[in-house]
Amino acid sequence: MKTTTFKEMAIILLCLSLIFVFGCKETNNLVDQESSYEQQSLAKKDKDLDKGIYTTSEKIDGKKGGTVTLKVSMDKSSGTKSEVKLDIPKGAFEGTEDISISIFPDSPVVEFSPHGLIFEKELELDVKLENFWFGEEDQLDFVYLGENENEPVEYESLSYNYNKNYIKVKKAMIGHFSRYGFVK
């Protein structure tokens, strides 16, 4: 009967450790979605934009409703701007919540929190992005960026101008908080 040497045990332990570290990694589906989203998302024209995330937050009483607005000039030299306005109707939810809007300068994505908050009445969202490069003219849409796939969002209008590099969606209907964005 063969006995295992110290060197063989060390190699076995190293292999098991590597399998554990790389094989048991927690996967975040939103990250996976973001990777596939980047393949179909709109690219920014200015590669030197600040890498920070821009966020605003307002305490909203669901019984009274309210508005949360975020306006950001991300890069004054290129004129890159984002405007996000979220209208919350009276009776959209119970109690008081800290409602947050976040935008990402490297992609046309808007994220809301608290994540997973579901509304009794839909919220209306307006988003305008200026001086983002959209690439070749193509059909654009505004969608909910789901964990496994994108889902259409109802909206009043979506307009874009490739010559002036702007895109906007007006009165997108938001039934719950998560991530939303423009896709091709």
N, C-alpha and C. Protein backbone atom coordinates (compact mmCIF):
# COMPACT_ATOMS: atom_id res chain seq x y z
N MET A 1 0.84 -1.17 0.00
CA MET A 1 0.00 0.00 0.00
C MET A 1 0.89 1.23 0.00
N LYS A 2 0.59 2.17 -0.89
CA LYS A 2 1.40 3.36 -1.06
C LYS A 2 0.99 4.42 -0.04
N THR A 3 1.96 5.10 0.56
CA THR A 3 1.68 6.19 1.48
C THR A 3 1.90 7.51 0.76
N THR A 4 1.12 8.51 1.13
CA THR A 4 1.20 9.83 0.51
C THR A 4 2.28 10.64 1.20
N THR A 5 3.14 11.22 0.40
CA THR A 5 4.23 12.03 0.94
C THR A 5 3.73 13.44 1.25
N PHE A 6 4.55 14.16 1.98
CA PHE A 6 4.23 15.55 2.33
C PHE A 6 4.08 16.40 1.08
N LYS A 7 4.95 16.19 0.10
CA LYS A 7 4.93 16.97 -1.15
C LYS A 7 3.63 16.71 -1.90
N GLU A 8 3.20 15.44 -1.98
CA GLU A 8 1.96 15.10 -2.66
C GLU A 8 0.75 15.71 -1.94
N MET A 9 0.77 15.70 -0.61
CA MET A 9 -0.32 16.30 0.17
C MET A 9 -0.39 17.81 -0.07
N ALA A 10 0.77 18.45 -0.13
CA ALA A 10 0.82 19.90 -0.37
C ALA A 10 0.24 20.24 -1.73
N ILE A 11 0.56 19.43 -2.74
CA ILE A 11 0.03 19.67 -4.10
C ILE A 11 -1.48 19.46 -4.12
N ILE A 12 -1.94 18.43 -3.46
CA ILE A 12 -3.39 18.16 -3.39
C ILE A 12 -4.11 19.32 -2.70
N LEU A 13 -3.58 19.77 -1.58
CA LEU A 13 -4.19 20.90 -0.86
C LEU A 13 -4.19 22.17 -1.70
N LEU A 14 -3.11 22.42 -2.42
CA LEU A 14 -3.04 23.59 -3.28
C LEU A 14 -4.10 23.52 -4.37
N CYS A 15 -4.23 22.37 -5.00
CA CYS A 15 -5.24 22.18 -6.05
C CYS A 15 -6.65 22.38 -5.50
N LEU A 16 -6.94 21.81 -4.36
CA LEU A 16 -8.27 21.96 -3.75
C LEU A 16 -8.54 23.42 -3.39
N SER A 17 -7.51 24.09 -2.88
CA SER A 17 -7.67 25.52 -2.54
C SER A 17 -7.98 26.34 -3.78
N LEU A 18 -7.28 26.09 -4.88
CA LEU A 18 -7.53 26.82 -6.12
C LEU A 18 -8.94 26.54 -6.65
N ILE A 19 -9.36 25.29 -6.58
CA ILE A 19 -10.72 24.95 -7.01
C ILE A 19 -11.74 25.68 -6.15
N PHE A 20 -11.51 25.72 -4.85
CA PHE A 20 -12.43 26.40 -3.95
C PHE A 20 -12.48 27.89 -4.24
N VAL A 21 -11.32 28.53 -4.38
CA VAL A 21 -11.27 29.98 -4.59
C VAL A 21 -11.89 30.38 -5.92
N PHE A 22 -11.55 29.68 -7.00
CA PHE A 22 -12.04 30.07 -8.31
C PHE A 22 -13.35 29.41 -8.69
N GLY A 23 -13.65 28.27 -8.13
CA GLY A 23 -14.87 27.57 -8.49
C GLY A 23 -16.07 27.95 -7.66
N CYS A 24 -15.85 28.48 -6.47
CA CYS A 24 -16.95 28.80 -5.57
C CYS A 24 -17.18 30.29 -5.47
N LYS A 25 -16.77 31.04 -6.49
CA LYS A 25 -16.98 32.47 -6.47
C LYS A 25 -18.46 32.78 -6.57
N GLU A 26 -18.93 33.73 -5.78
CA GLU A 26 -20.32 34.15 -5.86
C GLU A 26 -20.51 34.94 -7.14
N THR A 27 -21.53 34.61 -7.90
CA THR A 27 -21.80 35.32 -9.14
C THR A 27 -22.95 36.28 -8.92
N ASN A 28 -22.77 37.50 -9.36
CA ASN A 28 -23.81 38.51 -9.29
C ASN A 28 -24.40 38.66 -10.68
N ASN A 29 -25.66 38.28 -10.85
CA ASN A 29 -26.27 38.33 -12.16
C ASN A 29 -26.32 39.72 -12.75
N LEU A 30 -26.41 40.76 -11.90
CA LEU A 30 -26.38 42.11 -12.44
C LEU A 30 -25.04 42.41 -13.08
N VAL A 31 -23.97 41.91 -12.50
CA VAL A 31 -22.66 42.10 -13.11
C VAL A 31 -22.61 41.37 -14.44
N ASP A 32 -23.13 40.13 -14.46
CA ASP A 32 -23.18 39.40 -15.72
C ASP A 32 -24.03 40.14 -16.73
N GLN A 33 -25.17 40.67 -16.28
CA GLN A 33 -26.04 41.44 -17.15
C GLN A 33 -25.30 42.67 -17.66
N GLU A 34 -24.55 43.32 -16.78
CA GLU A 34 -23.83 44.52 -17.17
C GLU A 34 -22.81 44.20 -18.25
N SER A 35 -22.15 43.05 -18.15
CA SER A 35 -21.18 42.67 -19.17
C SER A 35 -21.88 42.50 -20.51
N SER A 36 -23.01 41.80 -20.53
CA SER A 36 -23.72 41.65 -21.80
C SER A 36 -24.33 42.97 -22.20
N TYR A 37 -24.71 43.78 -21.24
CA TYR A 37 -25.25 45.10 -21.53
C TYR A 37 -24.21 45.96 -22.22
N GLU A 38 -22.96 45.89 -21.79
CA GLU A 38 -21.90 46.70 -22.39
C GLU A 38 -21.74 46.36 -23.86
N GLN A 39 -22.01 45.12 -24.24
CA GLN A 39 -21.87 44.74 -25.63
C GLN A 39 -22.93 45.41 -26.49
N GLN A 40 -24.09 45.71 -25.92
CA GLN A 40 -25.16 46.29 -26.72
C GLN A 40 -25.46 47.73 -26.32
N SER A 41 -24.77 48.26 -25.33
CA SER A 41 -25.09 49.59 -24.84
C SER A 41 -24.44 50.66 -25.69
N LEU A 42 -24.81 51.88 -25.40
CA LEU A 42 -24.28 53.01 -26.11
C LEU A 42 -22.92 53.38 -25.54
N ALA A 43 -21.97 53.59 -26.39
CA ALA A 43 -20.62 53.95 -25.93
C ALA A 43 -20.52 55.45 -25.75
N LYS A 44 -19.73 55.88 -24.80
CA LYS A 44 -19.52 57.31 -24.61
C LYS A 44 -18.43 57.78 -25.54
N LYS A 45 -18.52 59.03 -25.93
CA LYS A 45 -17.56 59.57 -26.87
C LYS A 45 -16.26 59.95 -26.17
N ASP A 46 -16.33 60.49 -24.98
CA ASP A 46 -15.16 60.99 -24.27
C ASP A 46 -14.66 59.92 -23.31
N LYS A 47 -13.52 59.33 -23.59
CA LYS A 47 -12.98 58.23 -22.77
C LYS A 47 -12.42 58.72 -21.43
N ASP A 48 -12.30 60.04 -21.21
CA ASP A 48 -11.68 60.56 -20.00
C ASP A 48 -12.69 61.03 -18.96
N LEU A 49 -13.95 60.62 -19.09
CA LEU A 49 -14.94 61.04 -18.11
C LEU A 49 -14.59 60.53 -16.73
N ASP A 50 -15.01 61.29 -15.72
CA ASP A 50 -14.80 60.86 -14.34
C ASP A 50 -15.46 59.50 -14.15
N LYS A 51 -14.79 58.60 -13.45
CA LYS A 51 -15.32 57.25 -13.24
C LYS A 51 -16.27 57.16 -12.05
N GLY A 52 -16.57 58.28 -11.39
CA GLY A 52 -17.44 58.26 -10.23
C GLY A 52 -18.89 57.99 -10.59
N ILE A 53 -19.65 57.62 -9.59
CA ILE A 53 -21.09 57.44 -9.75
C ILE A 53 -21.76 58.65 -9.14
N TYR A 54 -22.70 59.24 -9.86
CA TYR A 54 -23.40 60.43 -9.38
C TYR A 54 -24.74 60.00 -8.79
N THR A 55 -25.02 60.47 -7.57
CA THR A 55 -26.22 60.04 -6.85
C THR A 55 -26.87 61.22 -6.15
N THR A 56 -28.19 61.19 -6.10
CA THR A 56 -28.95 62.11 -5.27
C THR A 56 -30.00 61.30 -4.53
N SER A 57 -30.46 61.83 -3.40
CA SER A 57 -31.44 61.12 -2.59
C SER A 57 -32.40 62.12 -1.96
N GLU A 58 -33.65 61.75 -1.89
CA GLU A 58 -34.69 62.57 -1.26
C GLU A 58 -35.55 61.68 -0.38
N LYS A 59 -35.95 62.19 0.76
CA LYS A 59 -36.90 61.48 1.62
C LYS A 59 -38.30 61.80 1.09
N ILE A 60 -39.03 60.77 0.68
CA ILE A 60 -40.36 60.95 0.07
C ILE A 60 -41.40 60.20 0.90
N ASP A 61 -42.48 60.91 1.22
CA ASP A 61 -43.64 60.30 1.87
C ASP A 61 -44.52 59.75 0.76
N GLY A 62 -44.70 58.44 0.74
CA GLY A 62 -45.47 57.78 -0.31
C GLY A 62 -46.90 58.26 -0.42
N LYS A 63 -47.48 58.67 0.70
CA LYS A 63 -48.85 59.16 0.69
C LYS A 63 -48.95 60.50 -0.07
N LYS A 64 -47.91 61.35 0.08
CA LYS A 64 -47.91 62.68 -0.55
C LYS A 64 -47.29 62.70 -1.94
N GLY A 65 -46.37 61.76 -2.23
CA GLY A 65 -45.67 61.77 -3.51
C GLY A 65 -44.58 62.83 -3.53
N GLY A 66 -43.99 63.04 -4.67
CA GLY A 66 -42.94 64.05 -4.80
C GLY A 66 -42.12 63.84 -6.06
N THR A 67 -41.03 64.60 -6.16
CA THR A 67 -40.14 64.54 -7.31
C THR A 67 -38.69 64.46 -6.85
N VAL A 68 -37.92 63.62 -7.50
CA VAL A 68 -36.49 63.53 -7.26
C VAL A 68 -35.81 63.83 -8.59
N THR A 69 -34.86 64.77 -8.56
CA THR A 69 -34.18 65.21 -9.78
C THR A 69 -32.67 65.14 -9.60
N LEU A 70 -31.98 64.71 -10.63
CA LEU A 70 -30.52 64.67 -10.64
C LEU A 70 -30.06 65.28 -11.96
N LYS A 71 -29.30 66.37 -11.87
CA LYS A 71 -28.70 67.01 -13.04
C LYS A 71 -27.20 67.05 -12.83
N VAL A 72 -26.47 66.54 -13.80
CA VAL A 72 -25.01 66.46 -13.66
C VAL A 72 -24.34 66.88 -14.96
N SER A 73 -23.34 67.74 -14.84
CA SER A 73 -22.41 68.00 -15.94
C SER A 73 -21.17 67.18 -15.64
N MET A 74 -21.03 66.05 -16.32
CA MET A 74 -19.98 65.11 -15.98
C MET A 74 -18.61 65.56 -16.44
N ASP A 75 -18.55 66.24 -17.57
CA ASP A 75 -17.27 66.69 -18.12
C ASP A 75 -17.53 68.00 -18.85
N LYS A 76 -17.12 69.10 -18.26
CA LYS A 76 -17.40 70.42 -18.84
C LYS A 76 -16.72 70.63 -20.18
N SER A 77 -15.55 70.02 -20.39
CA SER A 77 -14.84 70.23 -21.66
C SER A 77 -15.58 69.60 -22.84
N SER A 78 -16.22 68.47 -22.63
CA SER A 78 -16.96 67.82 -23.71
C SER A 78 -18.45 68.15 -23.67
N GLY A 79 -18.91 68.74 -22.58
CA GLY A 79 -20.33 69.09 -22.46
C GLY A 79 -21.22 67.92 -22.12
N THR A 80 -20.67 66.82 -21.63
CA THR A 80 -21.46 65.65 -21.29
C THR A 80 -22.35 65.97 -20.09
N LYS A 81 -23.66 65.80 -20.27
CA LYS A 81 -24.63 66.12 -19.22
C LYS A 81 -25.67 65.01 -19.11
N SER A 82 -26.20 64.88 -17.92
CA SER A 82 -27.31 63.96 -17.69
C SER A 82 -28.36 64.66 -16.85
N GLU A 83 -29.61 64.44 -17.20
CA GLU A 83 -30.72 64.95 -16.40
C GLU A 83 -31.70 63.81 -16.19
N VAL A 84 -32.03 63.57 -14.93
CA VAL A 84 -32.98 62.51 -14.59
C VAL A 84 -34.02 63.12 -13.66
N LYS A 85 -35.28 62.92 -14.00
CA LYS A 85 -36.38 63.42 -13.16
C LYS A 85 -37.36 62.28 -12.93
N LEU A 86 -37.64 62.00 -11.66
CA LEU A 86 -38.56 60.92 -11.28
C LEU A 86 -39.74 61.53 -10.55
N ASP A 87 -40.93 61.42 -11.14
CA ASP A 87 -42.16 61.91 -10.51
C ASP A 87 -42.87 60.75 -9.83
N ILE A 88 -43.11 60.95 -8.53
CA ILE A 88 -43.76 59.93 -7.72
C ILE A 88 -45.16 60.41 -7.38
N PRO A 89 -46.20 59.73 -7.87
CA PRO A 89 -47.56 60.19 -7.60
C PRO A 89 -47.98 59.93 -6.15
N LYS A 90 -48.99 60.65 -5.71
CA LYS A 90 -49.55 60.41 -4.37
C LYS A 90 -50.03 58.98 -4.28
N GLY A 91 -49.74 58.33 -3.13
CA GLY A 91 -50.21 56.96 -2.91
C GLY A 91 -49.41 55.89 -3.64
N ALA A 92 -48.20 56.22 -4.12
CA ALA A 92 -47.39 55.23 -4.85
C ALA A 92 -46.88 54.12 -3.94
N PHE A 93 -46.65 54.44 -2.67
CA PHE A 93 -46.20 53.44 -1.71
C PHE A 93 -46.56 53.91 -0.32
N GLU A 94 -46.48 53.01 0.65
CA GLU A 94 -46.80 53.33 2.04
C GLU A 94 -45.55 53.76 2.78
N GLY A 95 -45.72 54.68 3.73
CA GLY A 95 -44.61 55.11 4.56
C GLY A 95 -43.70 56.11 3.87
N THR A 96 -42.53 56.30 4.47
CA THR A 96 -41.53 57.23 3.95
C THR A 96 -40.29 56.45 3.55
N GLU A 97 -39.73 56.79 2.40
CA GLU A 97 -38.54 56.11 1.89
C GLU A 97 -37.50 57.13 1.44
N ASP A 98 -36.23 56.79 1.60
CA ASP A 98 -35.14 57.55 1.00
C ASP A 98 -35.00 57.05 -0.43
N ILE A 99 -35.44 57.86 -1.38
CA ILE A 99 -35.42 57.50 -2.79
C ILE A 99 -34.12 58.03 -3.40
N SER A 100 -33.34 57.14 -4.01
CA SER A 100 -32.06 57.52 -4.60
C SER A 100 -32.05 57.24 -6.09
N ILE A 101 -31.38 58.16 -6.82
CA ILE A 101 -31.13 58.00 -8.25
C ILE A 101 -29.62 58.03 -8.43
N SER A 102 -29.09 57.07 -9.17
CA SER A 102 -27.66 57.05 -9.49
C SER A 102 -27.48 56.93 -10.99
N ILE A 103 -26.49 57.67 -11.51
CA ILE A 103 -26.14 57.56 -12.93
C ILE A 103 -24.66 57.25 -13.04
N PHE A 104 -24.30 56.62 -14.14
CA PHE A 104 -22.95 56.14 -14.36
C PHE A 104 -22.40 56.84 -15.60
N PRO A 105 -21.28 57.54 -15.48
CA PRO A 105 -20.77 58.30 -16.61
C PRO A 105 -20.27 57.44 -17.76
N ASP A 106 -20.00 56.17 -17.53
CA ASP A 106 -19.49 55.32 -18.61
C ASP A 106 -20.56 54.52 -19.32
N SER A 107 -21.82 54.70 -18.95
CA SER A 107 -22.90 54.00 -19.64
C SER A 107 -24.22 54.72 -19.38
N PRO A 108 -25.15 54.57 -20.30
CA PRO A 108 -26.45 55.24 -20.17
C PRO A 108 -27.42 54.46 -19.29
N VAL A 109 -27.02 54.24 -18.04
CA VAL A 109 -27.81 53.46 -17.09
C VAL A 109 -28.23 54.33 -15.94
N VAL A 110 -29.47 54.16 -15.48
CA VAL A 110 -29.99 54.84 -14.30
C VAL A 110 -30.38 53.76 -13.31
N GLU A 111 -29.93 53.93 -12.08
CA GLU A 111 -30.23 52.94 -11.04
C GLU A 111 -30.99 53.63 -9.92
N PHE A 112 -32.00 52.93 -9.39
CA PHE A 112 -32.84 53.48 -8.32
C PHE A 112 -32.74 52.61 -7.08
N SER A 113 -32.89 53.24 -5.94
CA SER A 113 -32.97 52.47 -4.69
C SER A 113 -33.94 53.17 -3.75
N PRO A 114 -34.51 52.40 -2.82
CA PRO A 114 -34.14 51.05 -2.42
C PRO A 114 -34.52 50.02 -3.49
N HIS A 115 -33.56 49.12 -3.78
CA HIS A 115 -33.76 48.09 -4.79
C HIS A 115 -34.96 47.23 -4.42
N GLY A 116 -35.73 46.89 -5.44
CA GLY A 116 -36.85 45.97 -5.23
C GLY A 116 -38.13 46.62 -4.74
N LEU A 117 -38.10 47.93 -4.44
CA LEU A 117 -39.31 48.61 -3.99
C LEU A 117 -40.34 48.57 -5.12
N ILE A 118 -41.54 48.05 -4.81
CA ILE A 118 -42.60 47.91 -5.79
C ILE A 118 -43.67 48.95 -5.48
N PHE A 119 -44.24 49.55 -6.51
CA PHE A 119 -45.17 50.66 -6.34
C PHE A 119 -46.61 50.27 -6.62
N GLU A 120 -47.51 50.89 -5.87
CA GLU A 120 -48.94 50.68 -6.09
C GLU A 120 -49.41 51.47 -7.30
N LYS A 121 -48.73 52.59 -7.59
CA LYS A 121 -48.98 53.39 -8.78
C LYS A 121 -47.64 53.58 -9.47
N GLU A 122 -47.64 53.49 -10.81
CA GLU A 122 -46.37 53.64 -11.54
C GLU A 122 -45.82 55.05 -11.44
N LEU A 123 -44.49 55.14 -11.41
CA LEU A 123 -43.78 56.41 -11.38
C LEU A 123 -43.46 56.80 -12.82
N GLU A 124 -43.28 58.11 -13.05
CA GLU A 124 -42.91 58.60 -14.38
C GLU A 124 -41.48 59.09 -14.35
N LEU A 125 -40.70 58.63 -15.32
CA LEU A 125 -39.28 58.93 -15.39
C LEU A 125 -38.95 59.64 -16.70
N ASP A 126 -38.20 60.75 -16.60
CA ASP A 126 -37.65 61.45 -17.76
C ASP A 126 -36.13 61.37 -17.64
N VAL A 127 -35.46 60.99 -18.73
CA VAL A 127 -34.00 60.93 -18.75
C VAL A 127 -33.53 61.60 -20.04
N LYS A 128 -32.54 62.48 -19.90
CA LYS A 128 -31.92 63.11 -21.07
C LYS A 128 -30.41 63.03 -20.90
N LEU A 129 -29.73 62.50 -21.90
CA LEU A 129 -28.28 62.42 -21.92
C LEU A 129 -27.79 63.26 -23.10
N GLU A 130 -26.86 64.16 -22.82
CA GLU A 130 -26.31 65.02 -23.88
C GLU A 130 -24.84 64.72 -24.08
N ASN A 131 -24.43 64.78 -25.34
CA ASN A 131 -23.04 64.57 -25.74
C ASN A 131 -22.51 63.20 -25.39
N PHE A 132 -23.35 62.20 -25.52
CA PHE A 132 -22.93 60.81 -25.48
C PHE A 132 -22.84 60.37 -26.93
N TRP A 133 -21.84 59.58 -27.25
CA TRP A 133 -21.68 59.09 -28.61
C TRP A 133 -22.50 57.82 -28.76
N PHE A 134 -23.34 57.79 -29.79
CA PHE A 134 -24.25 56.67 -29.98
C PHE A 134 -23.81 55.70 -31.06
N GLY A 135 -22.72 56.01 -31.74
CA GLY A 135 -22.26 55.14 -32.81
C GLY A 135 -23.10 55.33 -34.06
N GLU A 136 -23.14 54.32 -34.89
CA GLU A 136 -23.92 54.37 -36.11
C GLU A 136 -25.41 54.46 -35.78
N GLU A 137 -26.14 55.08 -36.69
CA GLU A 137 -27.58 55.20 -36.47
C GLU A 137 -28.19 53.81 -36.39
N ASP A 138 -28.97 53.61 -35.38
CA ASP A 138 -29.54 52.30 -35.11
C ASP A 138 -30.81 52.52 -34.30
N GLN A 139 -31.63 51.52 -34.18
CA GLN A 139 -32.83 51.62 -33.37
C GLN A 139 -32.45 51.55 -31.90
N LEU A 140 -32.84 52.55 -31.12
CA LEU A 140 -32.56 52.57 -29.69
C LEU A 140 -33.84 52.33 -28.92
N ASP A 141 -33.68 51.86 -27.68
CA ASP A 141 -34.83 51.64 -26.82
C ASP A 141 -34.43 51.92 -25.38
N PHE A 142 -35.43 52.10 -24.53
CA PHE A 142 -35.22 52.29 -23.10
C PHE A 142 -35.88 51.11 -22.41
N VAL A 143 -35.12 50.38 -21.57
CA VAL A 143 -35.60 49.11 -21.01
C VAL A 143 -35.24 48.98 -19.54
N TYR A 144 -35.94 48.05 -18.89
CA TYR A 144 -35.54 47.58 -17.56
C TYR A 144 -34.43 46.56 -17.79
N LEU A 145 -33.31 46.75 -17.11
CA LEU A 145 -32.17 45.84 -17.25
C LEU A 145 -32.33 44.72 -16.23
N GLY A 146 -33.02 43.68 -16.64
CA GLY A 146 -33.33 42.57 -15.75
C GLY A 146 -32.12 41.71 -15.45
N GLU A 147 -32.27 40.85 -14.46
CA GLU A 147 -31.19 39.96 -14.06
C GLU A 147 -30.75 39.06 -15.21
N ASN A 148 -31.72 38.52 -15.93
CA ASN A 148 -31.40 37.57 -17.00
C ASN A 148 -31.63 38.13 -18.40
N GLU A 149 -32.49 39.12 -18.52
CA GLU A 149 -32.77 39.71 -19.82
C GLU A 149 -33.38 41.09 -19.65
N ASN A 150 -33.30 41.88 -20.70
CA ASN A 150 -33.90 43.21 -20.70
C ASN A 150 -35.39 43.09 -20.95
N GLU A 151 -36.17 43.97 -20.31
CA GLU A 151 -37.61 43.96 -20.51
C GLU A 151 -38.06 45.33 -20.97
N PRO A 152 -38.98 45.39 -21.92
CA PRO A 152 -39.45 46.68 -22.43
C PRO A 152 -40.12 47.51 -21.34
N VAL A 153 -40.02 48.81 -21.48
CA VAL A 153 -40.67 49.76 -20.58
C VAL A 153 -41.59 50.63 -21.43
N GLU A 154 -42.80 50.86 -20.94
CA GLU A 154 -43.70 51.77 -21.65
C GLU A 154 -43.22 53.19 -21.42
N TYR A 155 -43.30 54.02 -22.47
CA TYR A 155 -42.94 55.42 -22.34
C TYR A 155 -43.73 56.23 -23.35
N GLU A 156 -43.83 57.53 -23.06
CA GLU A 156 -44.57 58.43 -23.95
C GLU A 156 -43.79 58.66 -25.23
N SER A 157 -42.48 58.96 -25.10
CA SER A 157 -41.67 59.19 -26.29
C SER A 157 -40.20 58.91 -26.01
N LEU A 158 -39.50 58.55 -27.08
CA LEU A 158 -38.06 58.36 -27.03
C LEU A 158 -37.51 59.06 -28.27
N SER A 159 -36.56 59.97 -28.06
CA SER A 159 -36.00 60.68 -29.20
C SER A 159 -34.49 60.73 -29.09
N TYR A 160 -33.85 60.76 -30.24
CA TYR A 160 -32.39 60.87 -30.27
C TYR A 160 -31.97 61.61 -31.52
N ASN A 161 -30.84 62.25 -31.42
CA ASN A 161 -30.30 63.01 -32.53
C ASN A 161 -28.81 62.69 -32.61
N TYR A 162 -28.40 62.00 -33.66
CA TYR A 162 -27.01 61.60 -33.80
C TYR A 162 -26.10 62.80 -34.09
N ASN A 163 -26.63 63.80 -34.78
CA ASN A 163 -25.81 64.99 -35.08
C ASN A 163 -25.52 65.80 -33.84
N LYS A 164 -26.49 65.89 -32.92
CA LYS A 164 -26.31 66.68 -31.70
C LYS A 164 -25.94 65.81 -30.50
N ASN A 165 -25.87 64.51 -30.69
CA ASN A 165 -25.48 63.56 -29.64
C ASN A 165 -26.32 63.67 -28.38
N TYR A 166 -27.63 63.57 -28.52
CA TYR A 166 -28.47 63.50 -27.33
C TYR A 166 -29.51 62.40 -27.51
N ILE A 167 -29.95 61.90 -26.38
CA ILE A 167 -31.03 60.92 -26.35
C ILE A 167 -31.89 61.23 -25.14
N LYS A 168 -33.20 61.06 -25.29
CA LYS A 168 -34.08 61.28 -24.14
C LYS A 168 -35.30 60.39 -24.22
N VAL A 169 -35.75 60.02 -23.04
CA VAL A 169 -36.99 59.28 -22.90
C VAL A 169 -37.89 60.12 -22.00
N LYS A 170 -39.16 60.19 -22.35
CA LYS A 170 -40.11 61.00 -21.60
C LYS A 170 -41.23 60.11 -21.07
N LYS A 171 -41.51 60.27 -19.80
CA LYS A 171 -42.59 59.55 -19.11
C LYS A 171 -42.49 58.03 -19.26
N ALA A 172 -41.32 57.51 -18.96
CA ALA A 172 -41.16 56.05 -18.88
C ALA A 172 -41.87 55.60 -17.60
N MET A 173 -42.64 54.55 -17.68
CA MET A 173 -43.44 54.07 -16.56
C MET A 173 -42.61 53.05 -15.75
N ILE A 174 -42.37 53.40 -14.47
CA ILE A 174 -41.53 52.59 -13.60
C ILE A 174 -42.41 51.96 -12.52
N GLY A 175 -42.49 50.62 -12.50
CA GLY A 175 -43.32 49.91 -11.54
C GLY A 175 -42.55 49.40 -10.32
N HIS A 176 -41.23 49.39 -10.43
CA HIS A 176 -40.39 48.94 -9.31
C HIS A 176 -38.99 49.53 -9.49
N PHE A 177 -38.22 49.54 -8.43
CA PHE A 177 -36.86 50.08 -8.49
C PHE A 177 -35.85 49.01 -8.85
N SER A 178 -34.99 49.37 -9.77
CA SER A 178 -33.89 48.52 -10.20
C SER A 178 -33.02 49.36 -11.11
N ARG A 179 -32.53 48.75 -12.21
CA ARG A 179 -31.69 49.44 -13.20
C ARG A 179 -32.44 49.54 -14.52
N TYR A 180 -32.33 50.71 -15.13
CA TYR A 180 -32.95 50.98 -16.42
C TYR A 180 -31.92 51.65 -17.30
N GLY A 181 -32.07 51.51 -18.63
CA GLY A 181 -31.11 52.16 -19.50
C GLY A 181 -31.47 52.08 -20.96
N PHE A 182 -30.68 52.82 -21.76
CA PHE A 182 -30.83 52.85 -23.20
C PHE A 182 -30.01 51.71 -23.81
N VAL A 183 -30.60 51.01 -24.76
CA VAL A 183 -29.92 49.92 -25.45
C VAL A 183 -30.22 50.00 -26.94
N LYS A 184 -29.35 49.34 -27.71
CA LYS A 184 -29.58 49.23 -29.17
C LYS A 184 -30.29 47.93 -29.44
